[in-house]
Amino acid sequence: MAEDRWMRKGLEDALIALHRREVGHSYTAFDGRMIPGYEDWDKKLGKKGNVTDVHKGAKPLDWDRVESVTGADWMDLEWSKPRPLDELRDTSLPEMGVYRTWYADYPYRESSEERQPLLYVGKGNLRSRLSTRRNVDGTHAMFSFSPPPEDVDSERKLREIEVELIGAHYVVSGIPPLNQESHEIYRPTPKVFQ
């Protein structure tokens, strides 16, 4: 079922996403958070950096809008209009947010009834991260982005949203985004018109 890191991480993200959907929040030790009461134990072992995070995490996304992973309202986020990564320089972006990339013609045309799989779901500084995706996925790959939801005011909360999006893609498609975890399952050459 999960024969490599790409599938294992996708399955893990799907389980976390389903937990968030069913329970209403991420599990207590999500993304290295310390379970309350273990801080002193960790300090005795000389570990640094793990602290109890008493702040509430990001609330789960809207699973009524899970089906269309390239849709304008996927998971009820405020996705930008899709554009080719070639237009990144001319696009106004918020500093932070989540983003997704895909090929408009893989494996089906967007007008077909088959679902388009995503190439990648990410988070962070949008200009920097999307520039990296342009180098990996090519300038012909499509992208759209969403600013963080109002309750997302930390890197960890943004990570919760990213993991939920990757997990939702896995639930809908049966696989993680195609190039997640440096997998690069698909990378077509751009069409050259003469």
N, C-alpha and C. Protein backbone atom coordinates (compact mmCIF):
# COMPACT_ATOMS: atom_id res chain seq x y z
N MET A 1 0.82 -1.19 0.00
CA MET A 1 0.00 0.00 0.00
C MET A 1 0.87 1.26 0.00
N ALA A 2 1.85 1.35 0.87
CA ALA A 2 2.71 2.53 0.93
C ALA A 2 4.15 2.07 0.72
N GLU A 3 4.50 1.80 -0.54
CA GLU A 3 5.78 1.16 -0.85
C GLU A 3 6.98 2.10 -0.87
N ASP A 4 6.76 3.41 -0.84
CA ASP A 4 7.90 4.34 -0.84
C ASP A 4 7.55 5.56 0.00
N ARG A 5 8.54 6.44 0.20
CA ARG A 5 8.35 7.63 1.04
C ARG A 5 7.20 8.50 0.54
N TRP A 6 7.08 8.66 -0.77
CA TRP A 6 6.03 9.48 -1.36
C TRP A 6 4.65 8.98 -0.92
N MET A 7 4.41 7.67 -1.05
CA MET A 7 3.11 7.13 -0.65
C MET A 7 2.95 7.11 0.87
N ARG A 8 4.02 6.79 1.60
CA ARG A 8 3.92 6.77 3.07
C ARG A 8 3.57 8.13 3.62
N LYS A 9 4.26 9.18 3.13
CA LYS A 9 3.97 10.53 3.60
C LYS A 9 2.56 10.95 3.18
N GLY A 10 2.14 10.58 1.98
CA GLY A 10 0.79 10.90 1.53
C GLY A 10 -0.26 10.25 2.41
N LEU A 11 -0.05 8.99 2.76
CA LEU A 11 -0.97 8.27 3.63
C LEU A 11 -0.99 8.89 5.02
N GLU A 12 0.19 9.25 5.53
CA GLU A 12 0.26 9.90 6.83
C GLU A 12 -0.52 11.23 6.81
N ASP A 13 -0.32 12.02 5.77
CA ASP A 13 -1.04 13.29 5.67
C ASP A 13 -2.54 13.08 5.54
N ALA A 14 -2.94 12.01 4.84
CA ALA A 14 -4.38 11.70 4.71
C ALA A 14 -4.96 11.35 6.08
N LEU A 15 -4.24 10.57 6.86
CA LEU A 15 -4.73 10.21 8.19
C LEU A 15 -4.84 11.44 9.10
N ILE A 16 -3.85 12.32 9.03
CA ILE A 16 -3.90 13.55 9.82
C ILE A 16 -5.08 14.41 9.36
N ALA A 17 -5.26 14.53 8.04
CA ALA A 17 -6.37 15.33 7.50
C ALA A 17 -7.71 14.77 7.94
N LEU A 18 -7.87 13.45 7.89
CA LEU A 18 -9.13 12.83 8.32
C LEU A 18 -9.35 13.01 9.82
N HIS A 19 -8.27 12.93 10.60
CA HIS A 19 -8.37 13.19 12.04
C HIS A 19 -8.86 14.62 12.26
N ARG A 20 -8.28 15.58 11.55
CA ARG A 20 -8.70 16.98 11.69
C ARG A 20 -10.18 17.13 11.33
N ARG A 21 -10.59 16.47 10.25
CA ARG A 21 -11.99 16.56 9.82
C ARG A 21 -12.93 15.98 10.87
N GLU A 22 -12.58 14.81 11.41
CA GLU A 22 -13.48 14.12 12.34
C GLU A 22 -13.44 14.68 13.76
N VAL A 23 -12.25 15.06 14.24
CA VAL A 23 -12.09 15.48 15.63
C VAL A 23 -12.15 17.00 15.78
N GLY A 24 -11.79 17.74 14.72
CA GLY A 24 -11.87 19.19 14.77
C GLY A 24 -10.54 19.89 15.02
N HIS A 25 -9.46 19.12 15.14
CA HIS A 25 -8.13 19.70 15.34
C HIS A 25 -7.08 18.64 15.06
N SER A 26 -5.81 19.08 14.96
CA SER A 26 -4.71 18.14 14.78
C SER A 26 -4.45 17.40 16.09
N TYR A 27 -3.75 16.28 16.01
CA TYR A 27 -3.41 15.54 17.22
C TYR A 27 -2.42 16.36 18.06
N THR A 28 -2.36 16.07 19.35
CA THR A 28 -1.62 16.89 20.30
C THR A 28 -0.16 17.08 19.94
N ALA A 29 0.53 16.04 19.49
CA ALA A 29 1.96 16.13 19.21
C ALA A 29 2.24 16.45 17.75
N PHE A 30 1.29 17.07 17.05
CA PHE A 30 1.47 17.39 15.63
C PHE A 30 2.72 18.24 15.42
N ASP A 31 3.51 17.86 14.43
CA ASP A 31 4.65 18.65 13.96
C ASP A 31 5.64 18.98 15.08
N GLY A 32 5.87 18.02 15.97
CA GLY A 32 6.88 18.19 17.01
C GLY A 32 6.42 18.90 18.25
N ARG A 33 5.11 19.20 18.38
CA ARG A 33 4.65 19.83 19.62
C ARG A 33 4.85 18.86 20.78
N MET A 34 5.15 19.40 21.92
CA MET A 34 5.37 18.60 23.11
C MET A 34 4.04 18.36 23.81
N ILE A 35 3.83 17.15 24.26
CA ILE A 35 2.64 16.82 25.04
C ILE A 35 2.83 17.46 26.41
N PRO A 36 1.81 18.18 26.93
CA PRO A 36 1.96 18.84 28.23
C PRO A 36 2.46 17.88 29.31
N GLY A 37 3.42 18.35 30.11
CA GLY A 37 3.97 17.54 31.19
C GLY A 37 5.30 16.90 30.86
N TYR A 38 5.71 16.93 29.60
CA TYR A 38 6.96 16.27 29.20
C TYR A 38 8.12 17.23 29.00
N GLU A 39 7.92 18.54 29.23
CA GLU A 39 8.99 19.50 29.00
C GLU A 39 10.20 19.24 29.89
N ASP A 40 9.96 19.01 31.18
CA ASP A 40 11.07 18.77 32.11
C ASP A 40 11.80 17.49 31.77
N TRP A 41 11.08 16.45 31.37
CA TRP A 41 11.70 15.18 31.00
C TRP A 41 12.62 15.38 29.81
N ASP A 42 12.18 16.15 28.82
CA ASP A 42 12.99 16.41 27.64
C ASP A 42 14.24 17.22 28.02
N LYS A 43 14.09 18.17 28.90
CA LYS A 43 15.24 18.98 29.31
C LYS A 43 16.29 18.12 30.01
N LYS A 44 15.84 17.15 30.83
CA LYS A 44 16.78 16.26 31.51
C LYS A 44 17.59 15.45 30.51
N LEU A 45 16.99 15.13 29.37
CA LEU A 45 17.69 14.37 28.33
C LEU A 45 18.53 15.27 27.43
N GLY A 46 18.53 16.57 27.71
CA GLY A 46 19.33 17.51 26.94
C GLY A 46 18.73 17.92 25.62
N LYS A 47 17.46 17.64 25.41
CA LYS A 47 16.81 18.04 24.16
C LYS A 47 16.41 19.50 24.24
N LYS A 48 16.51 20.18 23.12
CA LYS A 48 16.14 21.59 23.07
C LYS A 48 15.16 21.81 21.92
N GLY A 49 14.35 22.82 22.05
CA GLY A 49 13.50 23.23 20.94
C GLY A 49 12.08 22.74 21.02
N ASN A 50 11.82 21.63 21.69
CA ASN A 50 10.45 21.17 21.82
C ASN A 50 9.81 21.81 23.03
N VAL A 51 8.72 22.49 22.80
CA VAL A 51 8.00 23.14 23.90
C VAL A 51 6.52 22.82 23.77
N THR A 52 5.86 22.90 24.89
CA THR A 52 4.42 22.70 24.85
C THR A 52 3.79 23.87 24.11
N ASP A 53 2.93 23.59 23.19
CA ASP A 53 2.23 24.62 22.43
C ASP A 53 0.80 24.64 22.92
N VAL A 54 0.48 25.62 23.75
CA VAL A 54 -0.85 25.66 24.34
C VAL A 54 -1.85 26.39 23.44
N HIS A 55 -1.37 26.96 22.34
CA HIS A 55 -2.27 27.67 21.45
C HIS A 55 -3.08 26.69 20.63
N LYS A 56 -4.30 27.06 20.35
CA LYS A 56 -5.13 26.21 19.50
C LYS A 56 -4.58 26.23 18.09
N GLY A 57 -4.70 25.11 17.42
CA GLY A 57 -4.26 25.01 16.05
C GLY A 57 -5.28 25.63 15.09
N ALA A 58 -4.97 25.54 13.82
CA ALA A 58 -5.89 26.04 12.79
C ALA A 58 -7.12 25.14 12.74
N LYS A 59 -8.27 25.75 12.54
CA LYS A 59 -9.48 24.92 12.45
C LYS A 59 -9.46 24.15 11.13
N PRO A 60 -10.14 23.00 11.10
CA PRO A 60 -10.16 22.19 9.88
C PRO A 60 -10.80 22.95 8.71
N LEU A 61 -10.42 22.54 7.52
CA LEU A 61 -10.96 23.14 6.30
C LEU A 61 -12.33 22.54 5.98
N ASP A 62 -12.99 23.08 4.97
CA ASP A 62 -14.35 22.67 4.60
C ASP A 62 -14.29 21.46 3.67
N TRP A 63 -14.59 20.29 4.21
CA TRP A 63 -14.54 19.05 3.43
C TRP A 63 -15.73 18.89 2.50
N ASP A 64 -16.69 19.79 2.54
CA ASP A 64 -17.78 19.74 1.55
C ASP A 64 -17.27 20.17 0.19
N ARG A 65 -16.08 20.76 0.14
CA ARG A 65 -15.51 21.26 -1.11
C ARG A 65 -14.16 20.58 -1.40
N VAL A 66 -14.13 19.26 -1.26
CA VAL A 66 -12.88 18.51 -1.38
C VAL A 66 -12.65 17.96 -2.79
N GLU A 67 -13.68 17.80 -3.58
CA GLU A 67 -13.57 17.04 -4.83
C GLU A 67 -12.69 17.67 -5.90
N SER A 68 -12.82 18.94 -6.16
CA SER A 68 -12.10 19.58 -7.27
C SER A 68 -10.80 20.21 -6.77
N VAL A 69 -9.70 19.45 -6.86
CA VAL A 69 -8.44 19.92 -6.28
C VAL A 69 -7.84 21.11 -7.03
N THR A 70 -8.30 21.38 -8.25
CA THR A 70 -7.85 22.58 -8.97
C THR A 70 -8.94 23.65 -9.01
N GLY A 71 -10.05 23.42 -8.33
CA GLY A 71 -11.17 24.34 -8.34
C GLY A 71 -10.92 25.62 -7.56
N ALA A 72 -11.68 26.65 -7.89
CA ALA A 72 -11.53 27.96 -7.26
C ALA A 72 -11.92 27.94 -5.78
N ASP A 73 -12.71 26.98 -5.36
CA ASP A 73 -13.15 26.95 -3.96
C ASP A 73 -12.71 25.68 -3.24
N TRP A 74 -11.63 25.05 -3.72
CA TRP A 74 -11.18 23.81 -3.09
C TRP A 74 -10.94 24.02 -1.60
N MET A 75 -11.58 23.19 -0.80
CA MET A 75 -11.48 23.20 0.66
C MET A 75 -11.88 24.56 1.25
N ASP A 76 -12.63 25.35 0.49
CA ASP A 76 -13.17 26.65 0.91
C ASP A 76 -12.09 27.68 1.23
N LEU A 77 -10.95 27.58 0.56
CA LEU A 77 -9.92 28.61 0.69
C LEU A 77 -10.13 29.63 -0.43
N GLU A 78 -9.51 30.79 -0.31
CA GLU A 78 -9.64 31.86 -1.29
C GLU A 78 -8.53 31.74 -2.34
N TRP A 79 -8.67 30.78 -3.26
CA TRP A 79 -7.65 30.52 -4.26
C TRP A 79 -7.62 31.61 -5.31
N SER A 80 -6.45 31.98 -5.72
CA SER A 80 -6.28 32.96 -6.80
C SER A 80 -6.66 32.31 -8.13
N LYS A 81 -6.82 33.16 -9.13
CA LYS A 81 -7.06 32.68 -10.49
C LYS A 81 -5.84 31.87 -10.94
N PRO A 82 -6.05 30.68 -11.52
CA PRO A 82 -4.90 29.89 -11.99
C PRO A 82 -4.14 30.61 -13.11
N ARG A 83 -2.81 30.52 -13.04
CA ARG A 83 -1.93 31.12 -14.05
C ARG A 83 -0.75 30.18 -14.28
N PRO A 84 -0.13 30.27 -15.45
CA PRO A 84 1.10 29.50 -15.63
C PRO A 84 2.23 30.10 -14.79
N LEU A 85 3.12 29.26 -14.32
CA LEU A 85 4.25 29.74 -13.53
C LEU A 85 5.11 30.73 -14.31
N ASP A 86 4.98 30.74 -15.63
CA ASP A 86 5.68 31.71 -16.47
C ASP A 86 5.26 33.14 -16.13
N GLU A 87 4.05 33.32 -15.56
CA GLU A 87 3.53 34.65 -15.22
C GLU A 87 3.80 35.02 -13.76
N LEU A 88 4.62 34.25 -13.07
CA LEU A 88 4.87 34.50 -11.65
C LEU A 88 5.41 35.89 -11.39
N ARG A 89 6.35 36.34 -12.22
CA ARG A 89 6.97 37.66 -12.00
C ARG A 89 5.94 38.79 -12.06
N ASP A 90 4.89 38.61 -12.85
CA ASP A 90 3.87 39.64 -13.03
C ASP A 90 2.69 39.49 -12.09
N THR A 91 2.79 38.61 -11.11
CA THR A 91 1.67 38.32 -10.22
C THR A 91 1.90 38.94 -8.85
N SER A 92 0.90 39.65 -8.36
CA SER A 92 0.96 40.19 -7.01
C SER A 92 0.61 39.07 -6.03
N LEU A 93 1.47 38.88 -5.03
CA LEU A 93 1.30 37.79 -4.08
C LEU A 93 1.33 38.30 -2.65
N PRO A 94 0.52 37.72 -1.75
CA PRO A 94 0.75 38.01 -0.33
C PRO A 94 2.07 37.38 0.07
N GLU A 95 2.64 37.81 1.17
CA GLU A 95 3.94 37.26 1.57
C GLU A 95 3.84 35.77 1.88
N MET A 96 2.88 35.39 2.70
CA MET A 96 2.76 34.00 3.15
C MET A 96 1.43 33.42 2.67
N GLY A 97 1.40 32.09 2.59
CA GLY A 97 0.17 31.41 2.22
C GLY A 97 0.43 29.98 1.82
N VAL A 98 -0.59 29.37 1.22
CA VAL A 98 -0.47 28.02 0.67
C VAL A 98 -0.62 28.12 -0.84
N TYR A 99 -0.08 27.13 -1.54
CA TYR A 99 -0.15 27.14 -3.00
C TYR A 99 -0.26 25.72 -3.52
N ARG A 100 -0.62 25.62 -4.79
CA ARG A 100 -0.70 24.32 -5.47
C ARG A 100 -0.26 24.51 -6.91
N THR A 101 0.32 23.46 -7.49
CA THR A 101 0.71 23.49 -8.89
C THR A 101 0.15 22.26 -9.58
N TRP A 102 -0.08 22.37 -10.89
CA TRP A 102 -0.58 21.25 -11.69
C TRP A 102 -0.35 21.55 -13.17
N TYR A 103 -0.47 20.51 -13.99
CA TYR A 103 -0.41 20.68 -15.44
C TYR A 103 -1.83 20.65 -15.98
N ALA A 104 -2.17 21.64 -16.77
CA ALA A 104 -3.54 21.73 -17.30
C ALA A 104 -3.87 20.57 -18.23
N ASP A 105 -2.85 19.93 -18.81
CA ASP A 105 -3.13 18.86 -19.76
C ASP A 105 -2.66 17.49 -19.29
N TYR A 106 -2.50 17.30 -17.99
CA TYR A 106 -2.13 15.98 -17.49
C TYR A 106 -3.13 15.50 -16.47
N PRO A 107 -3.50 14.25 -16.51
CA PRO A 107 -3.42 13.39 -17.68
C PRO A 107 -4.60 13.63 -18.60
N TYR A 108 -5.46 14.54 -18.18
CA TYR A 108 -6.67 14.85 -18.94
C TYR A 108 -6.74 16.35 -19.14
N ARG A 109 -7.39 16.78 -20.16
CA ARG A 109 -7.64 18.21 -20.34
C ARG A 109 -8.55 18.68 -19.21
N GLU A 110 -8.40 19.93 -18.83
CA GLU A 110 -9.22 20.45 -17.72
C GLU A 110 -10.71 20.41 -18.05
N SER A 111 -11.04 20.38 -19.33
CA SER A 111 -12.45 20.34 -19.71
C SER A 111 -13.02 18.93 -19.57
N SER A 112 -12.17 17.92 -19.37
CA SER A 112 -12.69 16.56 -19.24
C SER A 112 -13.32 16.39 -17.86
N GLU A 113 -14.04 15.31 -17.69
CA GLU A 113 -14.70 15.07 -16.41
C GLU A 113 -13.79 14.35 -15.43
N GLU A 114 -12.62 13.94 -15.88
CA GLU A 114 -11.66 13.29 -14.99
C GLU A 114 -10.97 14.35 -14.13
N ARG A 115 -10.66 13.97 -12.91
CA ARG A 115 -9.99 14.90 -11.99
C ARG A 115 -8.54 15.12 -12.39
N GLN A 116 -8.12 16.38 -12.31
CA GLN A 116 -6.71 16.71 -12.52
C GLN A 116 -5.96 16.47 -11.22
N PRO A 117 -4.89 15.69 -11.21
CA PRO A 117 -4.09 15.58 -9.99
C PRO A 117 -3.19 16.80 -9.84
N LEU A 118 -2.89 17.15 -8.62
CA LEU A 118 -1.94 18.23 -8.38
C LEU A 118 -0.52 17.70 -8.48
N LEU A 119 0.40 18.60 -8.79
CA LEU A 119 1.82 18.26 -8.77
C LEU A 119 2.38 18.44 -7.37
N TYR A 120 1.98 19.55 -6.73
CA TYR A 120 2.61 19.90 -5.47
C TYR A 120 1.68 20.81 -4.67
N VAL A 121 1.69 20.63 -3.37
CA VAL A 121 1.01 21.53 -2.43
C VAL A 121 2.08 22.00 -1.46
N GLY A 122 2.16 23.30 -1.23
CA GLY A 122 3.17 23.84 -0.34
C GLY A 122 2.67 25.02 0.45
N LYS A 123 3.56 25.54 1.31
CA LYS A 123 3.24 26.70 2.14
C LYS A 123 4.50 27.49 2.39
N GLY A 124 4.32 28.71 2.82
CA GLY A 124 5.46 29.55 3.18
C GLY A 124 5.49 30.84 2.41
N ASN A 125 6.69 31.38 2.22
CA ASN A 125 6.85 32.61 1.46
C ASN A 125 6.52 32.31 0.00
N LEU A 126 5.42 32.85 -0.48
CA LEU A 126 4.89 32.46 -1.79
C LEU A 126 5.85 32.79 -2.94
N ARG A 127 6.44 33.95 -2.94
CA ARG A 127 7.33 34.33 -4.05
C ARG A 127 8.50 33.33 -4.14
N SER A 128 9.13 33.06 -3.03
CA SER A 128 10.28 32.16 -2.99
C SER A 128 9.89 30.73 -3.34
N ARG A 129 8.83 30.24 -2.72
CA ARG A 129 8.43 28.84 -2.93
C ARG A 129 7.94 28.60 -4.35
N LEU A 130 7.17 29.53 -4.89
CA LEU A 130 6.68 29.35 -6.27
C LEU A 130 7.81 29.49 -7.29
N SER A 131 8.81 30.30 -7.00
CA SER A 131 9.98 30.38 -7.89
C SER A 131 10.68 29.03 -7.95
N THR A 132 10.79 28.37 -6.80
CA THR A 132 11.38 27.03 -6.77
C THR A 132 10.54 26.06 -7.58
N ARG A 133 9.22 26.12 -7.43
CA ARG A 133 8.34 25.21 -8.19
C ARG A 133 8.46 25.48 -9.69
N ARG A 134 8.65 26.73 -10.08
CA ARG A 134 8.81 27.05 -11.50
C ARG A 134 10.04 26.33 -12.04
N ASN A 135 11.12 26.29 -11.26
CA ASN A 135 12.33 25.60 -11.69
C ASN A 135 12.13 24.09 -11.75
N VAL A 136 11.30 23.53 -10.88
CA VAL A 136 11.09 22.08 -10.83
C VAL A 136 10.00 21.64 -11.80
N ASP A 137 8.84 22.30 -11.75
CA ASP A 137 7.68 21.87 -12.54
C ASP A 137 7.67 22.44 -13.94
N GLY A 138 8.43 23.51 -14.18
CA GLY A 138 8.46 24.15 -15.49
C GLY A 138 7.54 25.35 -15.56
N THR A 139 7.85 26.27 -16.47
CA THR A 139 7.08 27.51 -16.57
C THR A 139 5.67 27.30 -17.08
N HIS A 140 5.40 26.16 -17.71
CA HIS A 140 4.07 25.88 -18.24
C HIS A 140 3.13 25.29 -17.20
N ALA A 141 3.64 24.90 -16.02
CA ALA A 141 2.77 24.40 -14.95
C ALA A 141 1.88 25.53 -14.45
N MET A 142 0.68 25.18 -14.06
CA MET A 142 -0.27 26.14 -13.52
C MET A 142 -0.07 26.26 -12.01
N PHE A 143 -0.41 27.43 -11.47
CA PHE A 143 -0.36 27.61 -10.02
C PHE A 143 -1.52 28.48 -9.58
N SER A 144 -1.89 28.31 -8.33
CA SER A 144 -2.77 29.26 -7.66
C SER A 144 -2.38 29.23 -6.18
N PHE A 145 -2.77 30.27 -5.48
CA PHE A 145 -2.37 30.41 -4.08
C PHE A 145 -3.55 30.93 -3.28
N SER A 146 -3.42 30.78 -1.99
CA SER A 146 -4.43 31.32 -1.07
C SER A 146 -3.72 31.91 0.13
N PRO A 147 -4.15 33.11 0.55
CA PRO A 147 -3.60 33.63 1.80
C PRO A 147 -4.07 32.72 2.94
N PRO A 148 -3.38 32.75 4.07
CA PRO A 148 -3.80 31.90 5.18
C PRO A 148 -5.21 32.29 5.67
N PRO A 149 -6.00 31.32 6.13
CA PRO A 149 -7.26 31.67 6.79
C PRO A 149 -7.01 32.59 7.97
N GLU A 150 -8.02 33.31 8.40
CA GLU A 150 -7.87 34.32 9.46
C GLU A 150 -7.27 33.78 10.75
N ASP A 151 -7.59 32.54 11.11
CA ASP A 151 -7.09 31.99 12.37
C ASP A 151 -5.66 31.46 12.28
N VAL A 152 -5.04 31.55 11.13
CA VAL A 152 -3.69 31.03 10.95
C VAL A 152 -2.69 32.17 11.13
N ASP A 153 -2.01 32.15 12.29
CA ASP A 153 -1.10 33.23 12.63
C ASP A 153 0.29 32.72 13.02
N SER A 154 0.60 31.49 12.62
CA SER A 154 1.92 30.94 12.93
C SER A 154 2.32 29.95 11.83
N GLU A 155 3.61 29.66 11.79
CA GLU A 155 4.15 28.69 10.82
C GLU A 155 3.53 27.31 11.05
N ARG A 156 3.37 26.91 12.31
CA ARG A 156 2.80 25.60 12.61
C ARG A 156 1.37 25.49 12.12
N LYS A 157 0.59 26.54 12.32
CA LYS A 157 -0.80 26.51 11.84
C LYS A 157 -0.85 26.45 10.32
N LEU A 158 0.07 27.15 9.65
CA LEU A 158 0.12 27.09 8.20
C LEU A 158 0.51 25.67 7.76
N ARG A 159 1.39 25.03 8.51
CA ARG A 159 1.76 23.64 8.23
C ARG A 159 0.55 22.72 8.37
N GLU A 160 -0.32 22.98 9.35
CA GLU A 160 -1.53 22.17 9.50
C GLU A 160 -2.39 22.25 8.25
N ILE A 161 -2.52 23.46 7.70
CA ILE A 161 -3.32 23.65 6.49
C ILE A 161 -2.68 22.90 5.32
N GLU A 162 -1.35 23.03 5.17
CA GLU A 162 -0.64 22.34 4.09
C GLU A 162 -0.86 20.83 4.18
N VAL A 163 -0.68 20.25 5.36
CA VAL A 163 -0.85 18.81 5.54
C VAL A 163 -2.29 18.40 5.24
N GLU A 164 -3.25 19.20 5.66
CA GLU A 164 -4.65 18.86 5.39
C GLU A 164 -4.94 18.88 3.89
N LEU A 165 -4.36 19.83 3.17
CA LEU A 165 -4.56 19.89 1.72
C LEU A 165 -3.93 18.67 1.02
N ILE A 166 -2.72 18.31 1.40
CA ILE A 166 -2.08 17.14 0.82
C ILE A 166 -2.90 15.89 1.14
N GLY A 167 -3.34 15.79 2.39
CA GLY A 167 -4.16 14.64 2.79
C GLY A 167 -5.49 14.59 2.06
N ALA A 168 -6.11 15.74 1.85
CA ALA A 168 -7.38 15.78 1.11
C ALA A 168 -7.17 15.33 -0.33
N HIS A 169 -6.06 15.73 -0.94
CA HIS A 169 -5.74 15.28 -2.30
C HIS A 169 -5.62 13.76 -2.32
N TYR A 170 -4.94 13.19 -1.33
CA TYR A 170 -4.78 11.74 -1.24
C TYR A 170 -6.14 11.06 -1.10
N VAL A 171 -7.01 11.60 -0.26
CA VAL A 171 -8.33 11.01 -0.06
C VAL A 171 -9.13 11.01 -1.36
N VAL A 172 -9.08 12.10 -2.11
CA VAL A 172 -9.84 12.23 -3.35
C VAL A 172 -9.22 11.42 -4.49
N SER A 173 -7.90 11.46 -4.61
CA SER A 173 -7.21 10.89 -5.77
C SER A 173 -6.61 9.51 -5.53
N GLY A 174 -6.43 9.13 -4.28
CA GLY A 174 -5.80 7.86 -3.98
C GLY A 174 -4.29 7.91 -4.02
N ILE A 175 -3.73 9.09 -4.28
CA ILE A 175 -2.27 9.31 -4.31
C ILE A 175 -1.99 10.72 -3.80
N PRO A 176 -0.76 10.96 -3.32
CA PRO A 176 -0.38 12.34 -2.98
C PRO A 176 -0.21 13.14 -4.27
N PRO A 177 -0.06 14.46 -4.18
CA PRO A 177 0.30 15.23 -5.37
C PRO A 177 1.53 14.60 -6.03
N LEU A 178 1.55 14.61 -7.35
CA LEU A 178 2.50 13.83 -8.13
C LEU A 178 3.97 14.09 -7.82
N ASN A 179 4.34 15.33 -7.56
CA ASN A 179 5.75 15.66 -7.32
C ASN A 179 6.05 15.96 -5.85
N GLN A 180 5.13 15.61 -4.96
CA GLN A 180 5.34 15.83 -3.53
C GLN A 180 6.51 14.97 -3.07
N GLU A 181 7.22 15.40 -2.07
CA GLU A 181 8.35 14.65 -1.50
C GLU A 181 9.44 14.40 -2.55
N SER A 182 9.63 15.35 -3.47
CA SER A 182 10.64 15.24 -4.53
C SER A 182 10.45 14.00 -5.39
N HIS A 183 9.22 13.54 -5.50
CA HIS A 183 8.91 12.30 -6.22
C HIS A 183 9.02 12.46 -7.72
N GLU A 184 8.53 13.58 -8.26
CA GLU A 184 8.56 13.89 -9.69
C GLU A 184 8.12 12.71 -10.55
N ILE A 185 6.87 12.29 -10.34
CA ILE A 185 6.32 11.19 -11.12
C ILE A 185 6.02 11.62 -12.56
N TYR A 186 5.85 12.91 -12.74
CA TYR A 186 5.47 13.36 -14.07
C TYR A 186 6.03 14.75 -14.33
N ARG A 187 6.66 14.92 -15.47
CA ARG A 187 7.17 16.23 -15.86
C ARG A 187 7.23 16.30 -17.38
N PRO A 188 6.15 16.73 -18.02
CA PRO A 188 6.16 16.76 -19.48
C PRO A 188 7.01 17.90 -20.01
N THR A 189 7.41 17.79 -21.24
CA THR A 189 8.11 18.90 -21.87
C THR A 189 7.08 19.89 -22.37
N PRO A 190 7.40 21.18 -22.31
CA PRO A 190 6.44 22.18 -22.81
C PRO A 190 6.25 22.04 -24.31
N LYS A 191 5.06 22.37 -24.75
CA LYS A 191 4.77 22.33 -26.19
C LYS A 191 5.44 23.53 -26.87
N VAL A 192 6.05 23.28 -27.99
CA VAL A 192 6.68 24.33 -28.75
C VAL A 192 5.87 24.53 -30.02
N PHE A 193 5.41 25.75 -30.23
CA PHE A 193 4.60 26.05 -31.41
C PHE A 193 5.50 26.66 -32.48
N GLN A 194 5.36 26.19 -33.71
CA GLN A 194 6.18 26.71 -34.79
C GLN A 194 5.33 27.42 -35.80
